[in-house]
Amino acid sequence: MDLSYLRFEPDTRVTALPPDLAVMLVGVVARQAASPTAMLHARLAPAAETPWFAPAHGAFNLAMAQLLTAWKQE
């Protein structure tokens, strides 16, 4: 399978949203942001969770990182 094709071809047309739809979406987002639920959620303190995607040691898999480091130092 050849995956070396260009994703953005120069002859393709760019599709834009109609102005009425864009204005409607902005209104919906503004109403959602002003809702009591959103305002309450914004005031809540961030949860003290373990950061899954940013561990303190900096490695996705600590055991494998230690193994590779030890192997590289040999």
PDB file of N, CA and C in Angstrom:
ATOM      1  N   MET A   1       0.841  -1.156   0.000  1.00  0.00           N
ATOM      2  CA  MET A   1       0.000   0.000   0.000  1.00  0.00           C
ATOM      3  C   MET A   1       0.896   1.232   0.000  1.00  0.00           C
ATOM      4  N   ASP A   2       0.641   2.135  -0.931  1.00  0.00           N
ATOM      5  CA  ASP A   2       1.437   3.353  -1.044  1.00  0.00           C
ATOM      6  C   ASP A   2       0.762   4.471  -0.258  1.00  0.00           C
ATOM      7  N   LEU A   3       1.404   4.915   0.806  1.00  0.00           N
ATOM      8  CA  LEU A   3       0.850   5.986   1.626  1.00  0.00           C
ATOM      9  C   LEU A   3       1.615   7.288   1.447  1.00  0.00           C
ATOM     10  N   SER A   4       2.317   7.417   0.335  1.00  0.00           N
ATOM     11  CA  SER A   4       3.126   8.605   0.121  1.00  0.00           C
ATOM     12  C   SER A   4       2.399   9.691  -0.660  1.00  0.00           C
ATOM     13  N   TYR A   5       1.082   9.624  -0.733  1.00  0.00           N
ATOM     14  CA  TYR A   5       0.320  10.630  -1.456  1.00  0.00           C
ATOM     15  C   TYR A   5       0.211  11.906  -0.622  1.00  0.00           C
ATOM     16  N   LEU A   6      -0.039  13.017  -1.290  1.00  0.00           N
ATOM     17  CA  LEU A   6      -0.210  14.282  -0.599  1.00  0.00           C
ATOM     18  C   LEU A   6      -1.637  14.369  -0.066  1.00  0.00           C
ATOM     19  N   ARG A   7      -1.772  14.802   1.155  1.00  0.00           N
ATOM     20  CA  ARG A   7      -3.114  14.937   1.719  1.00  0.00           C
ATOM     21  C   ARG A   7      -3.793  16.210   1.232  1.00  0.00           C
ATOM     22  N   PHE A   8      -3.055  17.271   1.052  1.00  0.00           N
ATOM     23  CA  PHE A   8      -3.627  18.541   0.630  1.00  0.00           C
ATOM     24  C   PHE A   8      -3.257  18.770  -0.830  1.00  0.00           C
ATOM     25  N   GLU A   9      -4.124  18.370  -1.681  1.00  0.00           N
ATOM     26  CA  GLU A   9      -3.882  18.499  -3.110  1.00  0.00           C
ATOM     27  C   GLU A   9      -4.238  19.920  -3.550  1.00  0.00           C
ATOM     28  N   PRO A  10      -3.478  20.494  -4.479  1.00  0.00           N
ATOM     29  CA  PRO A  10      -3.735  21.878  -4.874  1.00  0.00           C
ATOM     30  C   PRO A  10      -5.062  22.065  -5.626  1.00  0.00           C
ATOM     31  N   ASP A  11      -5.621  21.012  -6.190  1.00  0.00           N
ATOM     32  CA  ASP A  11      -6.842  21.182  -6.965  1.00  0.00           C
ATOM     33  C   ASP A  11      -8.116  20.944  -6.157  1.00  0.00           C
ATOM     34  N   THR A  12      -7.997  20.677  -4.863  1.00  0.00           N
ATOM     35  CA  THR A  12      -9.185  20.462  -4.048  1.00  0.00           C
ATOM     36  C   THR A  12      -9.745  21.798  -3.582  1.00  0.00           C
ATOM     37  N   ARG A  13     -11.055  21.835  -3.389  1.00  0.00           N
ATOM     38  CA  ARG A  13     -11.710  23.061  -2.968  1.00  0.00           C
ATOM     39  C   ARG A  13     -11.855  23.052  -1.451  1.00  0.00           C
ATOM     40  N   VAL A  14     -11.634  24.193  -0.845  1.00  0.00           N
ATOM     41  CA  VAL A  14     -11.789  24.343   0.588  1.00  0.00           C
ATOM     42  C   VAL A  14     -13.256  24.675   0.860  1.00  0.00           C
ATOM     43  N   THR A  15     -13.837  23.964   1.786  1.00  0.00           N
ATOM     44  CA  THR A  15     -15.230  24.190   2.116  1.00  0.00           C
ATOM     45  C   THR A  15     -15.319  25.025   3.383  1.00  0.00           C
ATOM     46  N   ALA A  16     -16.073  26.096   3.326  1.00  0.00           N
ATOM     47  CA  ALA A  16     -16.245  26.974   4.480  1.00  0.00           C
ATOM     48  C   ALA A  16     -17.668  26.827   5.012  1.00  0.00           C
ATOM     49  N   LEU A  17     -17.829  27.080   6.285  1.00  0.00           N
ATOM     50  CA  LEU A  17     -19.162  27.038   6.877  1.00  0.00           C
ATOM     51  C   LEU A  17     -19.971  28.244   6.421  1.00  0.00           C
ATOM     52  N   PRO A  18     -21.251  28.063   6.215  1.00  0.00           N
ATOM     53  CA  PRO A  18     -22.088  29.221   5.900  1.00  0.00           C
ATOM     54  C   PRO A  18     -22.109  30.189   7.083  1.00  0.00           C
ATOM     55  N   PRO A  19     -22.180  31.493   6.825  1.00  0.00           N
ATOM     56  CA  PRO A  19     -22.128  32.461   7.928  1.00  0.00           C
ATOM     57  C   PRO A  19     -23.244  32.249   8.956  1.00  0.00           C
ATOM     58  N   ASP A  20     -24.448  31.889   8.520  1.00  0.00           N
ATOM     59  CA  ASP A  20     -25.546  31.680   9.472  1.00  0.00           C
ATOM     60  C   ASP A  20     -25.225  30.534  10.431  1.00  0.00           C
ATOM     61  N   LEU A  21     -24.645  29.463   9.915  1.00  0.00           N
ATOM     62  CA  LEU A  21     -24.297  28.326  10.759  1.00  0.00           C
ATOM     63  C   LEU A  21     -23.207  28.708  11.745  1.00  0.00           C
ATOM     64  N   ALA A  22     -22.216  29.466  11.289  1.00  0.00           N
ATOM     65  CA  ALA A  22     -21.128  29.889  12.170  1.00  0.00           C
ATOM     66  C   ALA A  22     -21.658  30.765  13.302  1.00  0.00           C
ATOM     67  N   VAL A  23     -22.571  31.667  12.985  1.00  0.00           N
ATOM     68  CA  VAL A  23     -23.148  32.544  14.009  1.00  0.00           C
ATOM     69  C   VAL A  23     -23.968  31.721  14.995  1.00  0.00           C
ATOM     70  N   MET A  24     -24.717  30.743  14.487  1.00  0.00           N
ATOM     71  CA  MET A  24     -25.508  29.898  15.360  1.00  0.00           C
ATOM     72  C   MET A  24     -24.610  29.098  16.310  1.00  0.00           C
ATOM     73  N   LEU A  25     -23.501  28.550  15.800  1.00  0.00           N
ATOM     74  CA  LEU A  25     -22.588  27.784  16.644  1.00  0.00           C
ATOM     75  C   LEU A  25     -21.946  28.652  17.719  1.00  0.00           C
ATOM     76  N   VAL A  26     -21.611  29.881  17.383  1.00  0.00           N
ATOM     77  CA  VAL A  26     -21.045  30.795  18.378  1.00  0.00           C
ATOM     78  C   VAL A  26     -22.063  31.057  19.481  1.00  0.00           C
ATOM     79  N   GLY A  27     -23.327  31.228  19.103  1.00  0.00           N
ATOM     80  CA  GLY A  27     -24.377  31.448  20.098  1.00  0.00           C
ATOM     81  C   GLY A  27     -24.559  30.249  21.007  1.00  0.00           C
ATOM     82  N   VAL A  28     -24.525  29.061  20.434  1.00  0.00           N
ATOM     83  CA  VAL A  28     -24.677  27.833  21.228  1.00  0.00           C
ATOM     84  C   VAL A  28     -23.534  27.702  22.210  1.00  0.00           C
ATOM     85  N   VAL A  29     -22.323  27.927  21.762  1.00  0.00           N
ATOM     86  CA  VAL A  29     -21.147  27.813  22.644  1.00  0.00           C
ATOM     87  C   VAL A  29     -21.210  28.852  23.761  1.00  0.00           C
ATOM     88  N   ALA A  30     -21.635  30.073  23.445  1.00  0.00           N
ATOM     89  CA  ALA A  30     -21.732  31.116  24.471  1.00  0.00           C
ATOM     90  C   ALA A  30     -22.773  30.745  25.519  1.00  0.00           C
ATOM     91  N   ARG A  31     -23.917  30.202  25.082  1.00  0.00           N
ATOM     92  CA  ARG A  31     -24.946  29.809  26.051  1.00  0.00           C
ATOM     93  C   ARG A  31     -24.480  28.648  26.913  1.00  0.00           C
ATOM     94  N   GLN A  32     -23.746  27.716  26.314  1.00  0.00           N
ATOM     95  CA  GLN A  32     -23.236  26.588  27.108  1.00  0.00           C
ATOM     96  C   GLN A  32     -22.225  27.065  28.143  1.00  0.00           C
ATOM     97  N   ALA A  33     -21.369  28.001  27.763  1.00  0.00           N
ATOM     98  CA  ALA A  33     -20.351  28.497  28.691  1.00  0.00           C
ATOM     99  C   ALA A  33     -20.981  29.286  29.836  1.00  0.00           C
ATOM    100  N   ALA A  34     -22.129  29.907  29.596  1.00  0.00           N
ATOM    101  CA  ALA A  34     -22.791  30.697  30.626  1.00  0.00           C
ATOM    102  C   ALA A  34     -23.761  29.871  31.456  1.00  0.00           C
ATOM    103  N   SER A  35     -23.872  28.593  31.188  1.00  0.00           N
ATOM    104  CA  SER A  35     -24.818  27.754  31.927  1.00  0.00           C
ATOM    105  C   SER A  35     -24.354  27.592  33.374  1.00  0.00           C
ATOM    106  N   PRO A  36     -25.303  27.372  34.291  1.00  0.00           N
ATOM    107  CA  PRO A  36     -24.917  27.180  35.695  1.00  0.00           C
ATOM    108  C   PRO A  36     -23.963  26.005  35.901  1.00  0.00           C
ATOM    109  N   THR A  37     -24.151  24.941  35.139  1.00  0.00           N
ATOM    110  CA  THR A  37     -23.267  23.777  35.277  1.00  0.00           C
ATOM    111  C   THR A  37     -21.834  24.129  34.894  1.00  0.00           C
ATOM    112  N   ALA A  38     -21.669  24.848  33.791  1.00  0.00           N
ATOM    113  CA  ALA A  38     -20.325  25.223  33.348  1.00  0.00           C
ATOM    114  C   ALA A  38     -19.673  26.184  34.339  1.00  0.00           C
ATOM    115  N   MET A  39     -20.461  27.112  34.871  1.00  0.00           N
ATOM    116  CA  MET A  39     -19.904  28.076  35.824  1.00  0.00           C
ATOM    117  C   MET A  39     -19.504  27.379  37.124  1.00  0.00           C
ATOM    118  N   LEU A  40     -20.297  26.414  37.579  1.00  0.00           N
ATOM    119  CA  LEU A  40     -19.938  25.653  38.773  1.00  0.00           C
ATOM    120  C   LEU A  40     -18.680  24.824  38.531  1.00  0.00           C
ATOM    121  N   HIS A  41     -18.603  24.195  37.388  1.00  0.00           N
ATOM    122  CA  HIS A  41     -17.436  23.369  37.066  1.00  0.00           C
ATOM    123  C   HIS A  41     -16.165  24.212  36.991  1.00  0.00           C
ATOM    124  N   ALA A  42     -16.277  25.444  36.518  1.00  0.00           N
ATOM    125  CA  ALA A  42     -15.101  26.320  36.419  1.00  0.00           C
ATOM    126  C   ALA A  42     -14.588  26.711  37.802  1.00  0.00           C
ATOM    127  N   ARG A  43     -15.480  26.742  38.809  1.00  0.00           N
ATOM    128  CA  ARG A  43     -15.066  27.124  40.166  1.00  0.00           C
ATOM    129  C   ARG A  43     -14.505  25.960  40.967  1.00  0.00           C
ATOM    130  N   LEU A  44     -14.734  24.748  40.523  1.00  0.00           N
ATOM    131  CA  LEU A  44     -14.253  23.589  41.261  1.00  0.00           C
ATOM    132  C   LEU A  44     -12.733  23.528  41.235  1.00  0.00           C
ATOM    133  N   ALA A  45     -12.162  23.054  42.299  1.00  0.00           N
ATOM    134  CA  ALA A  45     -10.712  22.880  42.361  1.00  0.00           C
ATOM    135  C   ALA A  45     -10.326  21.687  41.487  1.00  0.00           C
ATOM    136  N   PRO A  46      -9.193  21.750  40.831  1.00  0.00           N
ATOM    137  CA  PRO A  46      -8.772  20.604  40.020  1.00  0.00           C
ATOM    138  C   PRO A  46      -8.547  19.374  40.894  1.00  0.00           C
ATOM    139  N   ALA A  47      -8.922  18.258  40.383  1.00  0.00           N
ATOM    140  CA  ALA A  47      -8.772  17.005  41.130  1.00  0.00           C
ATOM    141  C   ALA A  47      -7.294  16.661  41.279  1.00  0.00           C
ATOM    142  N   ALA A  48      -6.931  16.164  42.441  1.00  0.00           N
ATOM    143  CA  ALA A  48      -5.552  15.751  42.696  1.00  0.00           C
ATOM    144  C   ALA A  48      -5.403  14.304  42.251  1.00  0.00           C
ATOM    145  N   GLU A  49      -5.234  14.122  40.970  1.00  0.00           N
ATOM    146  CA  GLU A  49      -5.095  12.785  40.405  1.00  0.00           C
ATOM    147  C   GLU A  49      -3.655  12.532  39.991  1.00  0.00           C
ATOM    148  N   THR A  50      -3.354  11.282  39.813  1.00  0.00           N
ATOM    149  CA  THR A  50      -2.055  10.910  39.272  1.00  0.00           C
ATOM    150  C   THR A  50      -2.048  11.249  37.786  1.00  0.00           C
ATOM    151  N   PRO A  51      -1.094  12.020  37.340  1.00  0.00           N
ATOM    152  CA  PRO A  51      -1.067  12.362  35.913  1.00  0.00           C
ATOM    153  C   PRO A  51      -0.670  11.139  35.074  1.00  0.00           C
ATOM    154  N   TRP A  52      -1.632  10.571  34.375  1.00  0.00           N
ATOM    155  CA  TRP A  52      -1.380   9.359  33.588  1.00  0.00           C
ATOM    156  C   TRP A  52      -0.435   9.604  32.431  1.00  0.00           C
ATOM    157  N   PHE A  53      -0.558  10.748  31.789  1.00  0.00           N
ATOM    158  CA  PHE A  53       0.224  10.993  30.580  1.00  0.00           C
ATOM    159  C   PHE A  53       1.442  11.865  30.831  1.00  0.00           C
ATOM    160  N   ALA A  54       1.694  12.218  32.080  1.00  0.00           N
ATOM    161  CA  ALA A  54       2.890  12.984  32.430  1.00  0.00           C
ATOM    162  C   ALA A  54       3.391  12.523  33.791  1.00  0.00           C
ATOM    163  N   PRO A  55       3.923  11.291  33.883  1.00  0.00           N
ATOM    164  CA  PRO A  55       4.391  10.805  35.177  1.00  0.00           C
ATOM    165  C   PRO A  55       5.623  11.579  35.644  1.00  0.00           C
ATOM    166  N   ALA A  56       5.860  11.557  36.941  1.00  0.00           N
ATOM    167  CA  ALA A  56       6.970  12.317  37.527  1.00  0.00           C
ATOM    168  C   ALA A  56       8.324  11.861  36.988  1.00  0.00           C
ATOM    169  N   HIS A  57       8.481  10.559  36.704  1.00  0.00           N
ATOM    170  CA  HIS A  57       9.768  10.068  36.212  1.00  0.00           C
ATOM    171  C   HIS A  57       9.985  10.377  34.733  1.00  0.00           C
ATOM    172  N   GLY A  58       8.943  10.759  34.018  1.00  0.00           N
ATOM    173  CA  GLY A  58       9.078  11.198  32.634  1.00  0.00           C
ATOM    174  C   GLY A  58       9.054  10.102  31.592  1.00  0.00           C
ATOM    175  N   ALA A  59       8.898   8.854  31.986  1.00  0.00           N
ATOM    176  CA  ALA A  59       8.878   7.745  31.035  1.00  0.00           C
ATOM    177  C   ALA A  59       7.477   7.138  30.984  1.00  0.00           C
ATOM    178  N   PHE A  60       7.060   6.755  29.796  1.00  0.00           N
ATOM    179  CA  PHE A  60       5.763   6.108  29.654  1.00  0.00           C
ATOM    180  C   PHE A  60       5.773   4.751  30.346  1.00  0.00           C
ATOM    181  N   ASN A  61       6.862   4.030  30.186  1.00  0.00           N
ATOM    182  CA  ASN A  61       7.009   2.716  30.816  1.00  0.00           C
ATOM    183  C   ASN A  61       8.341   2.745  31.567  1.00  0.00           C
ATOM    184  N   LEU A  62       8.273   2.961  32.873  1.00  0.00           N
ATOM    185  CA  LEU A  62       9.484   3.146  33.675  1.00  0.00           C
ATOM    186  C   LEU A  62      10.388   1.914  33.647  1.00  0.00           C
ATOM    187  N   ALA A  63       9.810   0.723  33.747  1.00  0.00           N
ATOM    188  CA  ALA A  63      10.634  -0.494  33.764  1.00  0.00           C
ATOM    189  C   ALA A  63      11.401  -0.647  32.455  1.00  0.00           C
ATOM    190  N   MET A  64      10.759  -0.399  31.339  1.00  0.00           N
ATOM    191  CA  MET A  64      11.430  -0.524  30.043  1.00  0.00           C
ATOM    192  C   MET A  64      12.468   0.575  29.864  1.00  0.00           C
ATOM    193  N   ALA A  65      12.190   1.768  30.350  1.00  0.00           N
ATOM    194  CA  ALA A  65      13.164   2.856  30.250  1.00  0.00           C
ATOM    195  C   ALA A  65      14.418   2.533  31.050  1.00  0.00           C
ATOM    196  N   GLN A  66      14.251   1.974  32.241  1.00  0.00           N
ATOM    197  CA  GLN A  66      15.410   1.595  33.051  1.00  0.00           C
ATOM    198  C   GLN A  66      16.196   0.466  32.383  1.00  0.00           C
ATOM    199  N   LEU A  67      15.501  -0.488  31.791  1.00  0.00           N
ATOM    200  CA  LEU A  67      16.166  -1.589  31.099  1.00  0.00           C
ATOM    201  C   LEU A  67      16.975  -1.083  29.906  1.00  0.00           C
ATOM    202  N   LEU A  68      16.382  -0.197  29.111  1.00  0.00           N
ATOM    203  CA  LEU A  68      17.096   0.346  27.949  1.00  0.00           C
ATOM    204  C   LEU A  68      18.287   1.202  28.370  1.00  0.00           C
ATOM    205  N   THR A  69      18.127   1.960  29.453  1.00  0.00           N
ATOM    206  CA  THR A  69      19.242   2.777  29.941  1.00  0.00           C
ATOM    207  C   THR A  69      20.386   1.903  30.412  1.00  0.00           C
ATOM    208  N   ALA A  70      20.068   0.850  31.132  1.00  0.00           N
ATOM    209  CA  ALA A  70      21.116  -0.082  31.602  1.00  0.00           C
ATOM    210  C   ALA A  70      21.784  -0.784  30.433  1.00  0.00           C
ATOM    211  N   TRP A  71      21.027  -1.168  29.422  1.00  0.00           N
ATOM    212  CA  TRP A  71      21.575  -1.840  28.241  1.00  0.00           C
ATOM    213  C   TRP A  71      22.473  -0.891  27.458  1.00  0.00           C
ATOM    214  N   LYS A  72      22.079   0.376  27.347  1.00  0.00           N
ATOM    215  CA  LYS A  72      22.852   1.338  26.592  1.00  0.00           C
ATOM    216  C   LYS A  72      24.179   1.649  27.298  1.00  0.00           C
ATOM    217  N   GLN A  73      24.213   1.606  28.627  1.00  0.00           N
ATOM    218  CA  GLN A  73      25.419   1.925  29.379  1.00  0.00           C
ATOM    219  C   GLN A  73      26.413   0.792  29.404  1.00  0.00           C
ATOM    220  N   GLU A  74      26.014  -0.405  28.968  1.00  0.00           N
ATOM    221  CA  GLU A  74      26.940  -1.555  28.969  1.00  0.00           C
ATOM    222  C   GLU A  74      27.997  -1.418  27.910  1.00  0.00           C
TER     223      GLU A  74
END
